[in-house]
Amino acid sequence: MKRFCLAVVAAAMVALFWAGSAPAAAQSYPDKPIKMIVPFPPGGPIDTIARLVAQNLWASLGQQVVIDNRPGAGSTIGTKAAAAADPDGYTLLFGSSGSLAVAPALYTSFDLDPHKAFAAVASVALLPHVFVVAPSVPATSLAEFVAYAKAHPGKLSYASAGAGNQTQLVAELLKAKAGIDIVYVPYKGSAASITDLLGGQTHMTIDGLTGLYPLIRDGKVRALAVARPTRWPPLPDVPTMAESGFPDFVMDAWTGVVAPAGTAPDIVAKLNAAINDGLASTETQAALAKFSAIAKTGSPEDFRAFLAVEIPKWAEIVKLAGAKAD
């Protein structure tokens, strides 16, 4: 009986130790630099937004956040590296719709379930997609474009930034929903696809507003619709997909921060608060606007719920498009 009582007391002391040590660890976090893996090359919009978040975290938490670019294999290399890291809060992944939603469905050898591999920390930004046509296309609305495409099956083409790229997937979704036959022309990157659109080699493309907005503003391409729930303020006259006859057609690209599964909830909460504080600043919102990005704040639970919808949504579109890459 005496030994039993001693065992109970010892177990209680161990429980108290661990109960007290977890908050203490979170209070001292971070006490060294944090690494944020970006699974894309330096210089692009996602990398630039990640660096903006890293600067805000540094200012809020008092520790440097080092960007670790690990591009390759359609973002899968960096994503796997982040998933395999210790769940101590010192390795984060700057994820996106491409790396967390499209890649798992696109790469058959990418045996990683984002829901199980990561803890959602915070959403960061939305990057709207816009449908544009070359000036030679006789359509001033999406309805007119669809009608023209149906009257000329196989005569129009669309450009994308590459096979399996979100620009292809969104276009294929439009084709399926509208019942139109448009020839797919893949390119190596958005710049090349937009160049040929301007030159008249292709007729339509769907891409982020970052590169297309100046061309829309200057009348070099014609915007027909934005694939988001509300109109985009700099283009108030461009309707949404729902307004154009395609309800529930919301296909924003997005970014957010995740941590390896098992990261302590109080550390996740601390990171979330710091990221949201940074996104609330007018300076950060102005910087995001340069990339036609919109800040998206919320709790870790909000981001987890968002991922639960977005990941299967993009997987279905990959399946619809028949896209595979390995």
Foldseek 3Di string as FASTA:
>chain_A
DVVVVVVVVVVVVVVVVVVVVVVVLLVPPPPEEAEEEEQADPDDPLNVLVVLLQVLCCVVRVYHYHYDYRYDPQSLVRVVVQLPDDLALRYKYWDKCRNQAQNVLFAPPSPDHSLQSWQFQKWWWWFWKFKKWAPVDPDQAVVRVLVVQQVPAAPAAEEDLAFSDVFVLLVLVCCVVSVGHHHYDYHNGDVVRVVVRLVVVHTMTMDTCLPCVVCCVVVRIHTHEIQADADQVVCNPHYHVVVRPDPPRHDIMTIGMIGTPPRDPSNSQVSLVSSVVSSPDPVSQVVCVNRVIGTDHDGSVVVSVVSVPSNVVSSVSCVSSVHHDD
